[in-house]
N, C-alpha and C. Protein backbone atom coordinates (compact mmCIF):
# COMPACT_ATOMS: atom_id res chain seq x y z
N UNK A 1 45.25 18.97 82.61
CA UNK A 1 44.46 19.70 81.64
C UNK A 1 43.95 18.71 80.60
N UNK A 2 42.64 18.66 80.43
CA UNK A 2 42.04 17.78 79.45
C UNK A 2 42.05 18.44 78.07
N UNK A 3 42.04 17.62 77.05
CA UNK A 3 42.02 18.16 75.70
C UNK A 3 40.63 18.64 75.28
N UNK A 4 39.60 18.06 75.86
CA UNK A 4 38.25 18.40 75.43
C UNK A 4 37.52 19.29 76.43
N UNK A 5 38.23 20.23 77.02
CA UNK A 5 37.59 21.18 77.92
C UNK A 5 36.62 22.03 77.11
N UNK A 6 35.61 22.52 77.77
CA UNK A 6 34.63 23.35 77.07
C UNK A 6 35.15 24.78 76.92
N UNK A 7 34.93 25.32 75.73
CA UNK A 7 35.40 26.67 75.42
C UNK A 7 34.35 27.42 74.62
N UNK A 8 34.19 28.69 74.93
CA UNK A 8 33.30 29.57 74.15
C UNK A 8 34.05 30.85 73.85
N UNK A 9 33.91 31.32 72.62
CA UNK A 9 34.50 32.60 72.24
C UNK A 9 33.41 33.68 72.36
N UNK A 10 33.81 34.80 72.90
CA UNK A 10 32.87 35.89 73.16
C UNK A 10 33.53 37.21 72.79
N UNK A 11 32.72 38.12 72.27
CA UNK A 11 33.20 39.47 72.02
C UNK A 11 32.63 40.39 73.09
N UNK A 12 33.47 41.24 73.66
CA UNK A 12 33.01 42.18 74.68
C UNK A 12 32.18 43.26 74.00
N UNK A 13 30.93 43.39 74.41
CA UNK A 13 30.04 44.36 73.76
C UNK A 13 29.70 45.55 74.65
N UNK A 14 30.32 45.59 75.82
CA UNK A 14 30.11 46.75 76.69
C UNK A 14 30.92 47.92 76.15
N UNK A 15 30.31 49.08 75.99
CA UNK A 15 31.00 50.25 75.41
C UNK A 15 32.26 50.61 76.19
N UNK A 16 32.23 50.44 77.51
CA UNK A 16 33.40 50.76 78.33
C UNK A 16 34.26 49.53 78.62
N UNK A 17 33.98 48.45 77.96
CA UNK A 17 34.75 47.24 78.17
C UNK A 17 34.37 46.55 79.48
N UNK A 18 35.10 45.53 79.82
CA UNK A 18 34.83 44.80 81.06
C UNK A 18 35.66 45.46 82.17
N UNK A 19 35.25 46.69 82.52
CA UNK A 19 35.96 47.43 83.57
C UNK A 19 35.62 46.86 84.94
N UNK A 20 36.02 47.52 85.98
CA UNK A 20 35.99 46.94 87.33
C UNK A 20 34.60 46.47 87.79
N UNK A 21 33.55 47.25 87.56
CA UNK A 21 32.22 46.85 88.05
C UNK A 21 31.72 45.59 87.35
N UNK A 22 31.64 45.56 86.02
CA UNK A 22 31.17 44.33 85.38
C UNK A 22 32.13 43.16 85.59
N UNK A 23 33.43 43.45 85.67
CA UNK A 23 34.39 42.38 85.91
C UNK A 23 34.18 41.75 87.28
N UNK A 24 33.88 42.58 88.28
CA UNK A 24 33.65 42.04 89.62
C UNK A 24 32.37 41.21 89.64
N UNK A 25 31.36 41.63 88.89
CA UNK A 25 30.13 40.84 88.79
C UNK A 25 30.42 39.50 88.10
N UNK A 26 31.25 39.55 87.07
CA UNK A 26 31.62 38.32 86.36
C UNK A 26 32.35 37.36 87.30
N UNK A 27 33.29 37.87 88.06
CA UNK A 27 34.05 37.03 89.01
C UNK A 27 33.10 36.39 90.02
N UNK A 28 32.15 37.19 90.50
CA UNK A 28 31.17 36.66 91.46
C UNK A 28 30.40 35.49 90.85
N UNK A 29 30.02 35.63 89.58
CA UNK A 29 29.30 34.55 88.90
C UNK A 29 30.21 33.34 88.68
N UNK A 30 31.45 33.57 88.29
CA UNK A 30 32.38 32.46 88.04
C UNK A 30 32.65 31.66 89.31
N UNK A 31 32.66 32.35 90.44
CA UNK A 31 32.93 31.66 91.71
C UNK A 31 31.80 30.76 92.16
N UNK A 32 30.67 30.84 91.50
CA UNK A 32 29.54 29.96 91.84
C UNK A 32 29.77 28.53 91.35
N UNK A 33 30.78 28.33 90.51
CA UNK A 33 31.03 27.02 89.91
C UNK A 33 32.31 26.40 90.46
N UNK A 34 32.30 25.07 90.53
CA UNK A 34 33.47 24.34 91.03
C UNK A 34 34.57 24.21 89.98
N UNK A 35 34.21 24.26 88.71
CA UNK A 35 35.18 24.07 87.63
C UNK A 35 36.27 25.13 87.65
N UNK A 36 37.41 24.77 87.12
CA UNK A 36 38.46 25.75 86.87
C UNK A 36 38.05 26.52 85.62
N UNK A 37 38.01 27.83 85.73
CA UNK A 37 37.54 28.67 84.63
C UNK A 37 38.62 29.68 84.30
N UNK A 38 38.92 29.81 83.02
CA UNK A 38 39.93 30.77 82.59
C UNK A 38 39.39 31.67 81.49
N UNK A 39 40.01 32.83 81.37
CA UNK A 39 39.74 33.74 80.26
C UNK A 39 41.04 33.91 79.50
N UNK A 40 40.94 33.76 78.17
CA UNK A 40 42.12 33.88 77.33
C UNK A 40 41.90 34.99 76.30
N UNK A 41 42.90 35.84 76.14
CA UNK A 41 42.92 36.81 75.04
C UNK A 41 43.98 36.35 74.07
N UNK A 42 44.31 37.18 73.12
CA UNK A 42 45.33 36.79 72.15
C UNK A 42 46.71 36.64 72.78
N UNK A 43 46.89 37.20 73.99
CA UNK A 43 48.22 37.16 74.60
C UNK A 43 48.31 36.35 75.89
N UNK A 44 47.25 36.38 76.71
CA UNK A 44 47.34 35.80 78.05
C UNK A 44 46.12 34.97 78.42
N UNK A 45 46.33 34.10 79.40
CA UNK A 45 45.26 33.33 80.01
C UNK A 45 45.31 33.56 81.51
N UNK A 46 44.13 33.88 82.09
CA UNK A 46 44.09 34.14 83.53
C UNK A 46 42.93 33.39 84.17
N UNK A 47 43.01 33.26 85.49
CA UNK A 47 41.94 32.66 86.28
C UNK A 47 40.73 33.60 86.26
N UNK A 48 39.58 33.08 85.83
CA UNK A 48 38.38 33.91 85.73
C UNK A 48 37.77 34.22 87.09
N UNK A 49 38.29 33.63 88.14
CA UNK A 49 37.76 33.89 89.48
C UNK A 49 38.60 34.91 90.22
N UNK A 50 39.53 35.56 89.51
CA UNK A 50 40.40 36.57 90.12
C UNK A 50 40.18 37.92 89.44
N UNK A 51 39.60 38.85 90.17
CA UNK A 51 39.36 40.19 89.61
C UNK A 51 40.67 40.85 89.21
N UNK A 52 41.68 40.72 90.04
CA UNK A 52 42.98 41.32 89.73
C UNK A 52 43.52 40.79 88.40
N UNK A 53 43.47 39.48 88.22
CA UNK A 53 44.00 38.88 86.99
C UNK A 53 43.20 39.33 85.77
N UNK A 54 41.87 39.40 85.91
CA UNK A 54 41.04 39.83 84.78
C UNK A 54 41.39 41.27 84.38
N UNK A 55 41.64 42.11 85.37
CA UNK A 55 41.97 43.50 85.08
C UNK A 55 43.26 43.63 84.28
N UNK A 56 44.17 42.68 84.42
CA UNK A 56 45.43 42.74 83.67
C UNK A 56 45.22 42.49 82.17
N UNK A 57 44.06 41.94 81.79
CA UNK A 57 43.79 41.64 80.38
C UNK A 57 43.32 42.87 79.59
N UNK A 58 42.90 43.93 80.31
CA UNK A 58 42.43 45.16 79.66
C UNK A 58 41.36 44.82 78.62
N UNK A 59 40.24 44.30 79.09
CA UNK A 59 39.18 43.82 78.22
C UNK A 59 38.31 44.98 77.74
N UNK A 60 38.69 45.55 76.64
CA UNK A 60 37.99 46.71 76.09
C UNK A 60 36.89 46.29 75.11
N UNK A 61 36.13 47.28 74.69
CA UNK A 61 35.02 47.10 73.75
C UNK A 61 35.50 46.39 72.47
N UNK A 62 34.75 45.39 72.06
CA UNK A 62 35.02 44.60 70.84
C UNK A 62 36.19 43.63 70.97
N UNK A 63 36.81 43.55 72.14
CA UNK A 63 37.90 42.61 72.30
C UNK A 63 37.31 41.19 72.36
N UNK A 64 37.98 40.26 71.73
CA UNK A 64 37.50 38.88 71.71
C UNK A 64 38.23 38.08 72.78
N UNK A 65 37.44 37.32 73.54
CA UNK A 65 38.01 36.49 74.60
C UNK A 65 37.52 35.06 74.43
N UNK A 66 38.20 34.17 75.10
CA UNK A 66 37.80 32.76 75.10
C UNK A 66 37.65 32.36 76.57
N UNK A 67 36.48 31.83 76.91
CA UNK A 67 36.25 31.34 78.26
C UNK A 67 36.34 29.82 78.21
N UNK A 68 37.14 29.26 79.10
CA UNK A 68 37.32 27.81 79.14
C UNK A 68 36.99 27.32 80.55
N UNK A 69 36.29 26.19 80.61
CA UNK A 69 35.96 25.60 81.91
C UNK A 69 36.35 24.14 81.90
N UNK A 70 36.85 23.69 83.03
CA UNK A 70 37.26 22.30 83.18
C UNK A 70 36.83 21.83 84.57
N UNK A 71 35.89 20.90 84.59
CA UNK A 71 35.43 20.38 85.88
C UNK A 71 34.04 19.78 85.77
N UNK A 72 33.52 19.40 86.91
CA UNK A 72 32.26 18.65 86.90
C UNK A 72 31.07 19.49 86.46
N UNK A 73 31.11 20.80 86.61
CA UNK A 73 30.00 21.65 86.19
C UNK A 73 30.39 22.58 85.03
N UNK A 74 31.33 22.12 84.20
CA UNK A 74 31.86 22.96 83.12
C UNK A 74 30.82 23.41 82.11
N UNK A 75 29.92 22.54 81.72
CA UNK A 75 28.89 22.91 80.75
C UNK A 75 28.02 24.04 81.29
N UNK A 76 27.57 23.85 82.50
CA UNK A 76 26.71 24.84 83.14
C UNK A 76 27.46 26.17 83.29
N UNK A 77 28.72 26.10 83.67
CA UNK A 77 29.52 27.30 83.88
C UNK A 77 29.70 28.07 82.58
N UNK A 78 30.07 27.38 81.53
CA UNK A 78 30.32 28.04 80.24
C UNK A 78 29.07 28.74 79.72
N UNK A 79 27.98 28.05 79.73
CA UNK A 79 26.76 28.65 79.18
C UNK A 79 26.25 29.78 80.06
N UNK A 80 26.37 29.63 81.35
CA UNK A 80 25.94 30.69 82.26
C UNK A 80 26.81 31.94 82.07
N UNK A 81 28.12 31.77 82.03
CA UNK A 81 29.02 32.92 81.93
C UNK A 81 28.92 33.61 80.57
N UNK A 82 28.73 32.84 79.51
CA UNK A 82 28.55 33.45 78.19
C UNK A 82 27.28 34.30 78.18
N UNK A 83 26.22 33.74 78.71
CA UNK A 83 24.95 34.47 78.77
C UNK A 83 25.10 35.70 79.67
N UNK A 84 25.80 35.55 80.78
CA UNK A 84 25.99 36.66 81.71
C UNK A 84 26.71 37.83 81.03
N UNK A 85 27.78 37.54 80.33
CA UNK A 85 28.53 38.60 79.64
C UNK A 85 27.68 39.24 78.54
N UNK A 86 26.93 38.44 77.82
CA UNK A 86 26.09 38.97 76.75
C UNK A 86 25.01 39.90 77.27
N UNK A 87 24.56 39.67 78.50
CA UNK A 87 23.47 40.47 79.07
C UNK A 87 23.95 41.67 79.88
N UNK A 88 25.26 41.82 80.05
CA UNK A 88 25.77 42.96 80.82
C UNK A 88 25.49 44.27 80.09
N UNK A 89 25.09 45.29 80.85
CA UNK A 89 24.82 46.62 80.25
C UNK A 89 25.52 47.69 81.03
């Protein structure tokens, strides 16, 4: 684990939270990148490429998360995933 991994903080703005449908879309997007990508809440950190693990975070409306990427395409992954979550409706 590198100390200077890329991280972005995001607030969930979907009224129903990041439930199964948007979470599965997010996982599909995360899997497009080679980097290791994680989602962290105030309590846990999980693999962002695992729908099951994301569901354990209970990502509800207004919950703040941190997305971290570590790998050769980390910059691209972070910016893409932040934009993807922001545009979910």
